[in-house]
PDB file of N, CA and C in Angstrom:
ATOM      1  N   MET A   1     -10.552  -7.771  -2.015  1.00  0.00           N
ATOM      2  CA  MET A   1     -10.982  -6.405  -1.811  1.00  0.00           C
ATOM      3  C   MET A   1     -11.686  -5.936  -3.072  1.00  0.00           C
ATOM      4  N   LEU A   2     -12.905  -5.439  -2.913  1.00  0.00           N
ATOM      5  CA  LEU A   2     -13.687  -4.919  -4.034  1.00  0.00           C
ATOM      6  C   LEU A   2     -13.751  -3.402  -3.946  1.00  0.00           C
ATOM      7  N   HIS A   3     -13.659  -2.737  -5.063  1.00  0.00           N
ATOM      8  CA  HIS A   3     -13.745  -1.278  -5.111  1.00  0.00           C
ATOM      9  C   HIS A   3     -15.209  -0.846  -5.148  1.00  0.00           C
ATOM     10  N   LEU A   4     -16.001  -1.472  -5.996  1.00  0.00           N
ATOM     11  CA  LEU A   4     -17.437  -1.263  -6.169  1.00  0.00           C
ATOM     12  C   LEU A   4     -17.818   0.116  -6.728  1.00  0.00           C
ATOM     13  N   ASP A   5     -16.858   0.839  -7.272  1.00  0.00           N
ATOM     14  CA  ASP A   5     -17.153   2.091  -7.969  1.00  0.00           C
ATOM     15  C   ASP A   5     -16.011   2.393  -8.941  1.00  0.00           C
ATOM     16  N   LEU A   6     -15.504   1.345  -9.576  1.00  0.00           N
ATOM     17  CA  LEU A   6     -14.357   1.505 -10.459  1.00  0.00           C
ATOM     18  C   LEU A   6     -14.826   1.933 -11.851  1.00  0.00           C
ATOM     19  N   HIS A   7     -14.404   3.116 -12.241  1.00  0.00           N
ATOM     20  CA  HIS A   7     -14.697   3.671 -13.562  1.00  0.00           C
ATOM     21  C   HIS A   7     -13.575   4.637 -13.897  1.00  0.00           C
ATOM     22  N   PRO A   8     -13.513   5.100 -15.129  1.00  0.00           N
ATOM     23  CA  PRO A   8     -12.386   5.964 -15.521  1.00  0.00           C
ATOM     24  C   PRO A   8     -12.199   7.199 -14.641  1.00  0.00           C
ATOM     25  N   GLY A   9     -13.247   7.740 -14.075  1.00  0.00           N
ATOM     26  CA  GLY A   9     -13.127   8.910 -13.207  1.00  0.00           C
ATOM     27  C   GLY A   9     -12.440   8.627 -11.884  1.00  0.00           C
ATOM     28  N   ASN A  10     -12.337   7.355 -11.527  1.00  0.00           N
ATOM     29  CA  ASN A  10     -11.685   6.973 -10.276  1.00  0.00           C
ATOM     30  C   ASN A  10     -10.302   6.375 -10.505  1.00  0.00           C
ATOM     31  N   VAL A  11      -9.724   6.668 -11.662  1.00  0.00           N
ATOM     32  CA  VAL A  11      -8.367   6.222 -11.960  1.00  0.00           C
ATOM     33  C   VAL A  11      -7.555   7.440 -12.383  1.00  0.00           C
ATOM     34  N   LEU A  12      -6.505   7.719 -11.634  1.00  0.00           N
ATOM     35  CA  LEU A  12      -5.599   8.811 -11.972  1.00  0.00           C
ATOM     36  C   LEU A  12      -4.383   8.237 -12.678  1.00  0.00           C
ATOM     37  N   LEU A  13      -3.993   8.880 -13.760  1.00  0.00           N
ATOM     38  CA  LEU A  13      -2.782   8.458 -14.465  1.00  0.00           C
ATOM     39  C   LEU A  13      -1.627   9.293 -13.943  1.00  0.00           C
ATOM     40  N   THR A  14      -0.638   8.618 -13.369  1.00  0.00           N
ATOM     41  CA  THR A  14       0.519   9.297 -12.802  1.00  0.00           C
ATOM     42  C   THR A  14       1.776   8.845 -13.536  1.00  0.00           C
ATOM     43  N   ARG A  15       2.897   9.481 -13.234  1.00  0.00           N
ATOM     44  CA  ARG A  15       4.165   9.066 -13.838  1.00  0.00           C
ATOM     45  C   ARG A  15       4.519   7.635 -13.458  1.00  0.00           C
ATOM     46  N   ARG A  16       4.040   7.183 -12.326  1.00  0.00           N
ATOM     47  CA  ARG A  16       4.341   5.819 -11.866  1.00  0.00           C
ATOM     48  C   ARG A  16       3.311   4.803 -12.349  1.00  0.00           C
ATOM     49  N   GLY A  17       2.293   5.273 -13.045  1.00  0.00           N
ATOM     50  CA  GLY A  17       1.250   4.383 -13.543  1.00  0.00           C
ATOM     51  C   GLY A  17      -0.107   4.766 -12.990  1.00  0.00           C
ATOM     52  N   PRO A  18      -1.156   4.013 -13.346  1.00  0.00           N
ATOM     53  CA  PRO A  18      -2.502   4.326 -12.881  1.00  0.00           C
ATOM     54  C   PRO A  18      -2.642   4.096 -11.373  1.00  0.00           C
ATOM     55  N   VAL A  19      -3.416   4.985 -10.738  1.00  0.00           N
ATOM     56  CA  VAL A  19      -3.700   4.882  -9.310  1.00  0.00           C
ATOM     57  C   VAL A  19      -5.218   4.946  -9.131  1.00  0.00           C
ATOM     58  N   VAL A  20      -5.775   3.951  -8.470  1.00  0.00           N
ATOM     59  CA  VAL A  20      -7.213   3.913  -8.211  1.00  0.00           C
ATOM     60  C   VAL A  20      -7.498   4.726  -6.949  1.00  0.00           C
ATOM     61  N   ILE A  21      -8.496   5.632  -7.048  1.00  0.00           N
ATOM     62  CA  ILE A  21      -8.879   6.480  -5.921  1.00  0.00           C
ATOM     63  C   ILE A  21     -10.328   6.209  -5.533  1.00  0.00           C
ATOM     64  N   ASP A  22     -10.794   6.877  -4.501  1.00  0.00           N
ATOM     65  CA  ASP A  22     -12.186   6.830  -4.030  1.00  0.00           C
ATOM     66  C   ASP A  22     -12.598   5.416  -3.612  1.00  0.00           C
ATOM     67  N   TRP A  23     -12.079   4.996  -2.493  1.00  0.00           N
ATOM     68  CA  TRP A  23     -12.330   3.656  -1.974  1.00  0.00           C
ATOM     69  C   TRP A  23     -13.458   3.617  -0.940  1.00  0.00           C
ATOM     70  N   ARG A  24     -14.303   4.651  -0.874  1.00  0.00           N
ATOM     71  CA  ARG A  24     -15.324   4.683   0.181  1.00  0.00           C
ATOM     72  C   ARG A  24     -16.388   3.599   0.065  1.00  0.00           C
ATOM     73  N   ASN A  25     -16.593   3.004  -1.121  1.00  0.00           N
ATOM     74  CA  ASN A  25     -17.572   1.925  -1.285  1.00  0.00           C
ATOM     75  C   ASN A  25     -16.940   0.540  -1.183  1.00  0.00           C
ATOM     76  N   ALA A  26     -15.651   0.493  -0.882  1.00  0.00           N
ATOM     77  CA  ALA A  26     -14.909  -0.774  -0.890  1.00  0.00           C
ATOM     78  C   ALA A  26     -15.455  -1.762   0.131  1.00  0.00           C
ATOM     79  N   GLY A  27     -15.227  -3.025  -0.170  1.00  0.00           N
ATOM     80  CA  GLY A  27     -15.647  -4.073   0.750  1.00  0.00           C
ATOM     81  C   GLY A  27     -15.129  -5.414   0.283  1.00  0.00           C
ATOM     82  N   ALA A  28     -15.513  -6.442   0.989  1.00  0.00           N
ATOM     83  CA  ALA A  28     -15.136  -7.803   0.637  1.00  0.00           C
ATOM     84  C   ALA A  28     -16.299  -8.452  -0.107  1.00  0.00           C
ATOM     85  N   GLY A  29     -15.985  -9.414  -0.957  1.00  0.00           N
ATOM     86  CA  GLY A  29     -17.058 -10.113  -1.650  1.00  0.00           C
ATOM     87  C   GLY A  29     -16.599 -10.791  -2.917  1.00  0.00           C
ATOM     88  N   ASP A  30     -17.561 -11.143  -3.732  1.00  0.00           N
ATOM     89  CA  ASP A  30     -17.350 -11.854  -4.980  1.00  0.00           C
ATOM     90  C   ASP A  30     -16.737 -10.910  -6.021  1.00  0.00           C
ATOM     91  N   PRO A  31     -15.571 -11.251  -6.565  1.00  0.00           N
ATOM     92  CA  PRO A  31     -14.954 -10.392  -7.583  1.00  0.00           C
ATOM     93  C   PRO A  31     -15.865 -10.132  -8.785  1.00  0.00           C
ATOM     94  N   ALA A  32     -16.745 -11.074  -9.101  1.00  0.00           N
ATOM     95  CA  ALA A  32     -17.668 -10.884 -10.222  1.00  0.00           C
ATOM     96  C   ALA A  32     -18.594  -9.696  -9.977  1.00  0.00           C
ATOM     97  N   ALA A  33     -18.912  -9.412  -8.712  1.00  0.00           N
ATOM     98  CA  ALA A  33     -19.767  -8.267  -8.395  1.00  0.00           C
ATOM     99  C   ALA A  33     -19.051  -6.960  -8.713  1.00  0.00           C
ATOM    100  N   ASP A  34     -17.763  -6.904  -8.464  1.00  0.00           N
ATOM    101  CA  ASP A  34     -16.991  -5.699  -8.755  1.00  0.00           C
ATOM    102  C   ASP A  34     -16.914  -5.469 -10.265  1.00  0.00           C
ATOM    103  N   VAL A  35     -16.676  -6.529 -11.011  1.00  0.00           N
ATOM    104  CA  VAL A  35     -16.617  -6.418 -12.465  1.00  0.00           C
ATOM    105  C   VAL A  35     -17.980  -6.009 -13.016  1.00  0.00           C
ATOM    106  N   ALA A  36     -19.045  -6.632 -12.510  1.00  0.00           N
ATOM    107  CA  ALA A  36     -20.391  -6.293 -12.960  1.00  0.00           C
ATOM    108  C   ALA A  36     -20.725  -4.839 -12.633  1.00  0.00           C
ATOM    109  N   MET A  37     -20.359  -4.360 -11.452  1.00  0.00           N
ATOM    110  CA  MET A  37     -20.630  -2.972 -11.090  1.00  0.00           C
ATOM    111  C   MET A  37     -19.877  -2.020 -12.013  1.00  0.00           C
ATOM    112  N   THR A  38     -18.645  -2.341 -12.341  1.00  0.00           N
ATOM    113  CA  THR A  38     -17.894  -1.505 -13.281  1.00  0.00           C
ATOM    114  C   THR A  38     -18.581  -1.502 -14.637  1.00  0.00           C
ATOM    115  N   MET A  39     -19.044  -2.652 -15.084  1.00  0.00           N
ATOM    116  CA  MET A  39     -19.708  -2.729 -16.381  1.00  0.00           C
ATOM    117  C   MET A  39     -20.990  -1.921 -16.410  1.00  0.00           C
ATOM    118  N   VAL A  40     -21.815  -1.983 -15.364  1.00  0.00           N
ATOM    119  CA  VAL A  40     -23.058  -1.206 -15.385  1.00  0.00           C
ATOM    120  C   VAL A  40     -22.783   0.281 -15.171  1.00  0.00           C
ATOM    121  N   THR A  41     -21.758   0.621 -14.404  1.00  0.00           N
ATOM    122  CA  THR A  41     -21.413   2.028 -14.204  1.00  0.00           C
ATOM    123  C   THR A  41     -20.942   2.644 -15.515  1.00  0.00           C
ATOM    124  N   VAL A  42     -20.033   1.972 -16.189  1.00  0.00           N
ATOM    125  CA  VAL A  42     -19.517   2.471 -17.467  1.00  0.00           C
ATOM    126  C   VAL A  42     -20.600   2.399 -18.545  1.00  0.00           C
ATOM    127  N   GLY A  43     -21.325   1.311 -18.567  1.00  0.00           N
ATOM    128  CA  GLY A  43     -22.344   1.118 -19.603  1.00  0.00           C
ATOM    129  C   GLY A  43     -23.504   2.075 -19.515  1.00  0.00           C
ATOM    130  N   SER A  44     -23.881   2.471 -18.316  1.00  0.00           N
ATOM    131  CA  SER A  44     -25.043   3.342 -18.162  1.00  0.00           C
ATOM    132  C   SER A  44     -24.696   4.821 -18.198  1.00  0.00           C
ATOM    133  N   ALA A  45     -23.429   5.154 -18.046  1.00  0.00           N
ATOM    134  CA  ALA A  45     -23.025   6.560 -17.924  1.00  0.00           C
ATOM    135  C   ALA A  45     -23.220   7.340 -19.209  1.00  0.00           C
ATOM    136  N   GLU A  46     -23.730   8.550 -19.066  1.00  0.00           N
ATOM    137  CA  GLU A  46     -23.805   9.481 -20.181  1.00  0.00           C
ATOM    138  C   GLU A  46     -22.542  10.329 -20.120  1.00  0.00           C
ATOM    139  N   VAL A  47     -21.703  10.173 -21.119  1.00  0.00           N
ATOM    140  CA  VAL A  47     -20.434  10.890 -21.147  1.00  0.00           C
ATOM    141  C   VAL A  47     -20.456  11.869 -22.317  1.00  0.00           C
ATOM    142  N   PRO A  48     -20.493  13.169 -22.029  1.00  0.00           N
ATOM    143  CA  PRO A  48     -20.508  14.148 -23.112  1.00  0.00           C
ATOM    144  C   PRO A  48     -19.302  13.973 -24.027  1.00  0.00           C
ATOM    145  N   GLY A  49     -19.563  14.025 -25.337  1.00  0.00           N
ATOM    146  CA  GLY A  49     -18.482  13.932 -26.301  1.00  0.00           C
ATOM    147  C   GLY A  49     -18.087  12.505 -26.659  1.00  0.00           C
ATOM    148  N   LEU A  50     -18.671  11.510 -25.997  1.00  0.00           N
ATOM    149  CA  LEU A  50     -18.344  10.119 -26.288  1.00  0.00           C
ATOM    150  C   LEU A  50     -19.435   9.550 -27.191  1.00  0.00           C
ATOM    151  N   ALA A  51     -19.055   8.962 -28.301  1.00  0.00           N
ATOM    152  CA  ALA A  51     -20.036   8.320 -29.170  1.00  0.00           C
ATOM    153  C   ALA A  51     -20.702   7.227 -28.356  1.00  0.00           C
ATOM    154  N   VAL A  52     -21.956   7.412 -28.026  1.00  0.00           N
ATOM    155  CA  VAL A  52     -22.637   6.572 -27.040  1.00  0.00           C
ATOM    156  C   VAL A  52     -22.564   5.085 -27.358  1.00  0.00           C
ATOM    157  N   ARG A  53     -23.026   4.681 -28.485  1.00  0.00           N
ATOM    158  CA  ARG A  53     -23.058   3.240 -28.778  1.00  0.00           C
ATOM    159  C   ARG A  53     -21.655   2.656 -28.862  1.00  0.00           C
ATOM    160  N   LEU A  54     -20.815   3.262 -29.649  1.00  0.00           N
ATOM    161  CA  LEU A  54     -19.456   2.761 -29.805  1.00  0.00           C
ATOM    162  C   LEU A  54     -18.685   2.864 -28.501  1.00  0.00           C
ATOM    163  N   GLY A  55     -18.783   4.014 -27.840  1.00  0.00           N
ATOM    164  CA  GLY A  55     -18.053   4.232 -26.598  1.00  0.00           C
ATOM    165  C   GLY A  55     -18.452   3.272 -25.503  1.00  0.00           C
ATOM    166  N   ARG A  56     -19.739   3.129 -25.274  1.00  0.00           N
ATOM    167  CA  ARG A  56     -20.209   2.212 -24.233  1.00  0.00           C
ATOM    168  C   ARG A  56     -19.830   0.782 -24.552  1.00  0.00           C
ATOM    169  N   SER A  57     -20.097   0.374 -25.775  1.00  0.00           N
ATOM    170  CA  SER A  57     -19.787  -1.013 -26.153  1.00  0.00           C
ATOM    171  C   SER A  57     -18.314  -1.315 -25.988  1.00  0.00           C
ATOM    172  N   LEU A  58     -17.487  -0.412 -26.458  1.00  0.00           N
ATOM    173  CA  LEU A  58     -16.045  -0.622 -26.378  1.00  0.00           C
ATOM    174  C   LEU A  58     -15.563  -0.677 -24.933  1.00  0.00           C
ATOM    175  N   LEU A  59     -16.018   0.261 -24.109  1.00  0.00           N
ATOM    176  CA  LEU A  59     -15.596   0.282 -22.706  1.00  0.00           C
ATOM    177  C   LEU A  59     -16.082  -0.952 -21.949  1.00  0.00           C
ATOM    178  N   VAL A  60     -17.349  -1.283 -22.113  1.00  0.00           N
ATOM    179  CA  VAL A  60     -17.908  -2.438 -21.398  1.00  0.00           C
ATOM    180  C   VAL A  60     -17.237  -3.723 -21.870  1.00  0.00           C
ATOM    181  N   HIS A  61     -17.037  -3.854 -23.171  1.00  0.00           N
ATOM    182  CA  HIS A  61     -16.362  -5.045 -23.706  1.00  0.00           C
ATOM    183  C   HIS A  61     -14.937  -5.148 -23.155  1.00  0.00           C
ATOM    184  N   SER A  62     -14.255  -4.026 -23.070  1.00  0.00           N
ATOM    185  CA  SER A  62     -12.877  -4.026 -22.555  1.00  0.00           C
ATOM    186  C   SER A  62     -12.822  -4.446 -21.098  1.00  0.00           C
ATOM    187  N   VAL A  63     -13.772  -3.969 -20.303  1.00  0.00           N
ATOM    188  CA  VAL A  63     -13.826  -4.360 -18.887  1.00  0.00           C
ATOM    189  C   VAL A  63     -14.034  -5.862 -18.783  1.00  0.00           C
ATOM    190  N   ARG A  64     -14.983  -6.388 -19.539  1.00  0.00           N
ATOM    191  CA  ARG A  64     -15.293  -7.817 -19.481  1.00  0.00           C
ATOM    192  C   ARG A  64     -14.112  -8.658 -19.963  1.00  0.00           C
ATOM    193  N   LYS A  65     -13.505  -8.243 -21.056  1.00  0.00           N
ATOM    194  CA  LYS A  65     -12.399  -9.006 -21.629  1.00  0.00           C
ATOM    195  C   LYS A  65     -11.184  -9.027 -20.695  1.00  0.00           C
ATOM    196  N   GLY A  66     -10.969  -7.958 -19.970  1.00  0.00           N
ATOM    197  CA  GLY A  66      -9.818  -7.877 -19.083  1.00  0.00           C
ATOM    198  C   GLY A  66     -10.020  -8.537 -17.735  1.00  0.00           C
ATOM    199  N   SER A  67     -11.186  -9.110 -17.521  1.00  0.00           N
ATOM    200  CA  SER A  67     -11.508  -9.710 -16.223  1.00  0.00           C
ATOM    201  C   SER A  67     -11.219 -11.211 -16.203  1.00  0.00           C
ATOM    202  N   ARG A  68     -10.788 -11.681 -15.049  1.00  0.00           N
ATOM    203  CA  ARG A  68     -10.575 -13.129 -14.869  1.00  0.00           C
ATOM    204  C   ARG A  68     -11.828 -13.821 -14.352  1.00  0.00           C
ATOM    205  N   THR A  69     -12.846 -13.054 -14.054  1.00  0.00           N
ATOM    206  CA  THR A  69     -14.076 -13.614 -13.513  1.00  0.00           C
ATOM    207  C   THR A  69     -15.245 -13.264 -14.419  1.00  0.00           C
ATOM    208  N   ASP A  70     -16.274 -14.090 -14.433  1.00  0.00           N
ATOM    209  CA  ASP A  70     -17.444 -13.858 -15.283  1.00  0.00           C
ATOM    210  C   ASP A  70     -18.512 -13.113 -14.489  1.00  0.00           C
ATOM    211  N   PRO A  71     -18.816 -11.879 -14.875  1.00  0.00           N
ATOM    212  CA  PRO A  71     -19.790 -11.080 -14.132  1.00  0.00           C
ATOM    213  C   PRO A  71     -21.237 -11.344 -14.518  1.00  0.00           C
ATOM    214  N   ALA A  72     -21.489 -12.192 -15.492  1.00  0.00           N
ATOM    215  CA  ALA A  72     -22.837 -12.378 -16.026  1.00  0.00           C
ATOM    216  C   ALA A  72     -23.879 -12.671 -14.944  1.00  0.00           C
ATOM    217  N   GLY A  73     -23.543 -13.505 -13.993  1.00  0.00           N
ATOM    218  CA  GLY A  73     -24.495 -13.874 -12.951  1.00  0.00           C
ATOM    219  C   GLY A  73     -24.804 -12.755 -11.968  1.00  0.00           C
ATOM    220  N   ARG A  74     -24.047 -11.681 -11.999  1.00  0.00           N
ATOM    221  CA  ARG A  74     -24.244 -10.585 -11.047  1.00  0.00           C
ATOM    222  C   ARG A  74     -24.805  -9.317 -11.700  1.00  0.00           C
ATOM    223  N   MET A  75     -24.955  -9.309 -13.028  1.00  0.00           N
ATOM    224  CA  MET A  75     -25.356  -8.095 -13.738  1.00  0.00           C
ATOM    225  C   MET A  75     -26.721  -7.561 -13.290  1.00  0.00           C
ATOM    226  N   ARG A  76     -27.706  -8.431 -13.181  1.00  0.00           N
ATOM    227  CA  ARG A  76     -29.045  -7.978 -12.752  1.00  0.00           C
ATOM    228  C   ARG A  76     -28.993  -7.356 -11.364  1.00  0.00           C
ATOM    229  N   GLU A  77     -28.341  -8.047 -10.462  1.00  0.00           N
ATOM    230  CA  GLU A  77     -28.245  -7.598  -9.073  1.00  0.00           C
ATOM    231  C   GLU A  77     -27.596  -6.213  -8.968  1.00  0.00           C
ATOM    232  N   VAL A  78     -26.480  -6.012  -9.658  1.00  0.00           N
ATOM    233  CA  VAL A  78     -25.803  -4.724  -9.541  1.00  0.00           C
ATOM    234  C   VAL A  78     -26.543  -3.625 -10.294  1.00  0.00           C
ATOM    235  N   ALA A  79     -27.229  -3.977 -11.391  1.00  0.00           N
ATOM    236  CA  ALA A  79     -28.050  -2.979 -12.090  1.00  0.00           C
ATOM    237  C   ALA A  79     -29.173  -2.502 -11.164  1.00  0.00           C
ATOM    238  N   GLU A  80     -29.803  -3.419 -10.451  1.00  0.00           N
ATOM    239  CA  GLU A  80     -30.853  -3.046  -9.494  1.00  0.00           C
ATOM    240  C   GLU A  80     -30.290  -2.157  -8.387  1.00  0.00           C
ATOM    241  N   ALA A  81     -29.105  -2.495  -7.892  1.00  0.00           N
ATOM    242  CA  ALA A  81     -28.475  -1.686  -6.840  1.00  0.00           C
ATOM    243  C   ALA A  81     -28.151  -0.291  -7.366  1.00  0.00           C
ATOM    244  N   LYS A  82     -27.651  -0.213  -8.579  1.00  0.00           N
ATOM    245  CA  LYS A  82     -27.284   1.077  -9.176  1.00  0.00           C
ATOM    246  C   LYS A  82     -28.517   1.943  -9.405  1.00  0.00           C
ATOM    247  N   LEU A  83     -29.680   1.330  -9.618  1.00  0.00           N
ATOM    248  CA  LEU A  83     -30.928   2.074  -9.828  1.00  0.00           C
ATOM    249  C   LEU A  83     -31.346   2.886  -8.600  1.00  0.00           C
ATOM    250  N   THR A  84     -30.762   2.613  -7.459  1.00  0.00           N
ATOM    251  CA  THR A  84     -31.111   3.372  -6.253  1.00  0.00           C
ATOM    252  C   THR A  84     -30.380   4.714  -6.197  1.00  0.00           C
ATOM    253  N   ASP A  85     -29.461   4.971  -7.115  1.00  0.00           N
ATOM    254  CA  ASP A  85     -28.706   6.230  -7.153  1.00  0.00           C
ATOM    255  C   ASP A  85     -29.637   7.376  -7.540  1.00  0.00           C
ATOM    256  N   PRO A  86     -29.848   8.344  -6.662  1.00  0.00           N
ATOM    257  CA  PRO A  86     -30.767   9.449  -6.968  1.00  0.00           C
ATOM    258  C   PRO A  86     -30.228  10.415  -8.022  1.00  0.00           C
ATOM    259  N   ASN A  87     -28.973  10.279  -8.407  1.00  0.00           N
ATOM    260  CA  ASN A  87     -28.362  11.195  -9.376  1.00  0.00           C
ATOM    261  C   ASN A  87     -28.417  10.698 -10.810  1.00  0.00           C
ATOM    262  N   LEU A  88     -29.061   9.574 -11.051  1.00  0.00           N
ATOM    263  CA  LEU A  88     -29.139   9.034 -12.406  1.00  0.00           C
ATOM    264  C   LEU A  88     -29.967   9.939 -13.312  1.00  0.00           C
ATOM    265  N   THR A  89     -29.541  10.040 -14.556  1.00  0.00           N
ATOM    266  CA  THR A  89     -30.360  10.728 -15.552  1.00  0.00           C
ATOM    267  C   THR A  89     -31.434   9.743 -16.025  1.00  0.00           C
ATOM    268  N   PRO A  90     -32.490  10.228 -16.670  1.00  0.00           N
ATOM    269  CA  PRO A  90     -33.505   9.308 -17.197  1.00  0.00           C
ATOM    270  C   PRO A  90     -32.920   8.267 -18.162  1.00  0.00           C
ATOM    271  N   ALA A  91     -31.978   8.672 -19.007  1.00  0.00           N
ATOM    272  CA  ALA A  91     -31.369   7.723 -19.951  1.00  0.00           C
ATOM    273  C   ALA A  91     -30.554   6.663 -19.220  1.00  0.00           C
ATOM    274  N   GLU A  92     -29.813   7.063 -18.189  1.00  0.00           N
ATOM    275  CA  GLU A  92     -29.025   6.105 -17.415  1.00  0.00           C
ATOM    276  C   GLU A  92     -29.947   5.113 -16.708  1.00  0.00           C
ATOM    277  N   ALA A  93     -31.026   5.624 -16.117  1.00  0.00           N
ATOM    278  CA  ALA A  93     -31.974   4.746 -15.421  1.00  0.00           C
ATOM    279  C   ALA A  93     -32.632   3.772 -16.394  1.00  0.00           C
ATOM    280  N   ALA A  94     -32.960   4.228 -17.599  1.00  0.00           N
ATOM    281  CA  ALA A  94     -33.574   3.341 -18.597  1.00  0.00           C
ATOM    282  C   ALA A  94     -32.613   2.224 -18.982  1.00  0.00           C
ATOM    283  N   TRP A  95     -31.335   2.557 -19.177  1.00  0.00           N
ATOM    284  CA  TRP A  95     -30.321   1.548 -19.522  1.00  0.00           C
ATOM    285  C   TRP A  95     -30.244   0.517 -18.404  1.00  0.00           C
ATOM    286  N   LEU A  96     -30.212   0.988 -17.169  1.00  0.00           N
ATOM    287  CA  LEU A  96     -30.108   0.076 -16.023  1.00  0.00           C
ATOM    288  C   LEU A  96     -31.360  -0.776 -15.865  1.00  0.00           C
ATOM    289  N   ARG A  97     -32.545  -0.213 -16.083  1.00  0.00           N
ATOM    290  CA  ARG A  97     -33.780  -0.996 -15.978  1.00  0.00           C
ATOM    291  C   ARG A  97     -33.789  -2.137 -16.992  1.00  0.00           C
ATOM    292  N   ARG A  98     -33.270  -1.885 -18.200  1.00  0.00           N
ATOM    293  CA  ARG A  98     -33.197  -2.963 -19.196  1.00  0.00           C
ATOM    294  C   ARG A  98     -32.297  -4.097 -18.705  1.00  0.00           C
ATOM    295  N   ARG A  99     -31.174  -3.760 -18.082  1.00  0.00           N
ATOM    296  CA  ARG A  99     -30.280  -4.795 -17.564  1.00  0.00           C
ATOM    297  C   ARG A  99     -30.899  -5.519 -16.375  1.00  0.00           C
ATOM    298  N   ALA A 100     -31.572  -4.781 -15.517  1.00  0.00           N
ATOM    299  CA  ALA A 100     -32.197  -5.387 -14.338  1.00  0.00           C
ATOM    300  C   ALA A 100     -33.322  -6.336 -14.735  1.00  0.00           C
ATOM    301  N   SER A 101     -33.984  -6.045 -15.854  1.00  0.00           N
ATOM    302  CA  SER A 101     -35.083  -6.899 -16.302  1.00  0.00           C
ATOM    303  C   SER A 101     -34.604  -8.065 -17.158  1.00  0.00           C
ATOM    304  N   GLY A 102     -33.312  -8.016 -17.548  1.00  0.00           N
ATOM    305  CA  GLY A 102     -32.766  -9.075 -18.389  1.00  0.00           C
ATOM    306  C   GLY A 102     -32.995  -8.841 -19.868  1.00  0.00           C
ATOM    307  N   ARG A 103     -33.577  -7.695 -20.236  1.00  0.00           N
ATOM    308  CA  ARG A 103     -33.830  -7.378 -21.647  1.00  0.00           C
ATOM    309  C   ARG A 103     -32.653  -6.598 -22.213  1.00  0.00           C
ATOM    310  N   THR A 104     -31.704  -7.309 -22.769  1.00  0.00           N
ATOM    311  CA  THR A 104     -30.546  -6.640 -23.356  1.00  0.00           C
ATOM    312  C   THR A 104     -30.221  -7.248 -24.702  1.00  0.00           C
ATOM    313  N   ARG A 105     -29.577  -6.427 -25.535  1.00  0.00           N
ATOM    314  CA  ARG A 105     -29.104  -6.923 -26.815  1.00  0.00           C
ATOM    315  C   ARG A 105     -27.595  -7.089 -26.771  1.00  0.00           C
ATOM    316  N   GLN A 106     -26.909  -6.005 -26.432  1.00  0.00           N
ATOM    317  CA  GLN A 106     -25.459  -6.034 -26.324  1.00  0.00           C
ATOM    318  C   GLN A 106     -25.084  -5.333 -25.033  1.00  0.00           C
ATOM    319  N   PRO A 107     -24.005  -5.729 -24.369  1.00  0.00           N
ATOM    320  CA  PRO A 107     -23.643  -5.138 -23.088  1.00  0.00           C
ATOM    321  C   PRO A 107     -23.454  -3.636 -23.115  1.00  0.00           C
ATOM    322  N   GLY A 108     -23.059  -3.053 -24.216  1.00  0.00           N
ATOM    323  CA  GLY A 108     -22.785  -1.628 -24.261  1.00  0.00           C
ATOM    324  C   GLY A 108     -23.957  -0.765 -24.615  1.00  0.00           C
ATOM    325  N   ARG A 109     -25.065  -1.321 -25.007  1.00  0.00           N
ATOM    326  CA  ARG A 109     -26.207  -0.514 -25.448  1.00  0.00           C
ATOM    327  C   ARG A 109     -27.240  -0.371 -24.385  1.00  0.00           C
TER     328      ARG A 109
END
């Protein structure tokens, strides 16, 4: 089962532990696609108050490190899919276009 929209905003911290919400994009498929989608969602997001370079790098690195699957082969595909979101800011779209084109330096930038 893939969530396909897993990011900090879709995780509630409860007394019993974290609970993942918002399963409307869920489906079956390659686990690497879910990890890659989380990485591009977190990596491209503009979060007010978050040190952009450090925050993105740290979050994206943490997602990748905590995964049992390698998302590298799916990054371009999910970046292209994420580019269809009409709510992207220009900065978010630019970050995603760099990933979709394969022009990247570090996963968090």
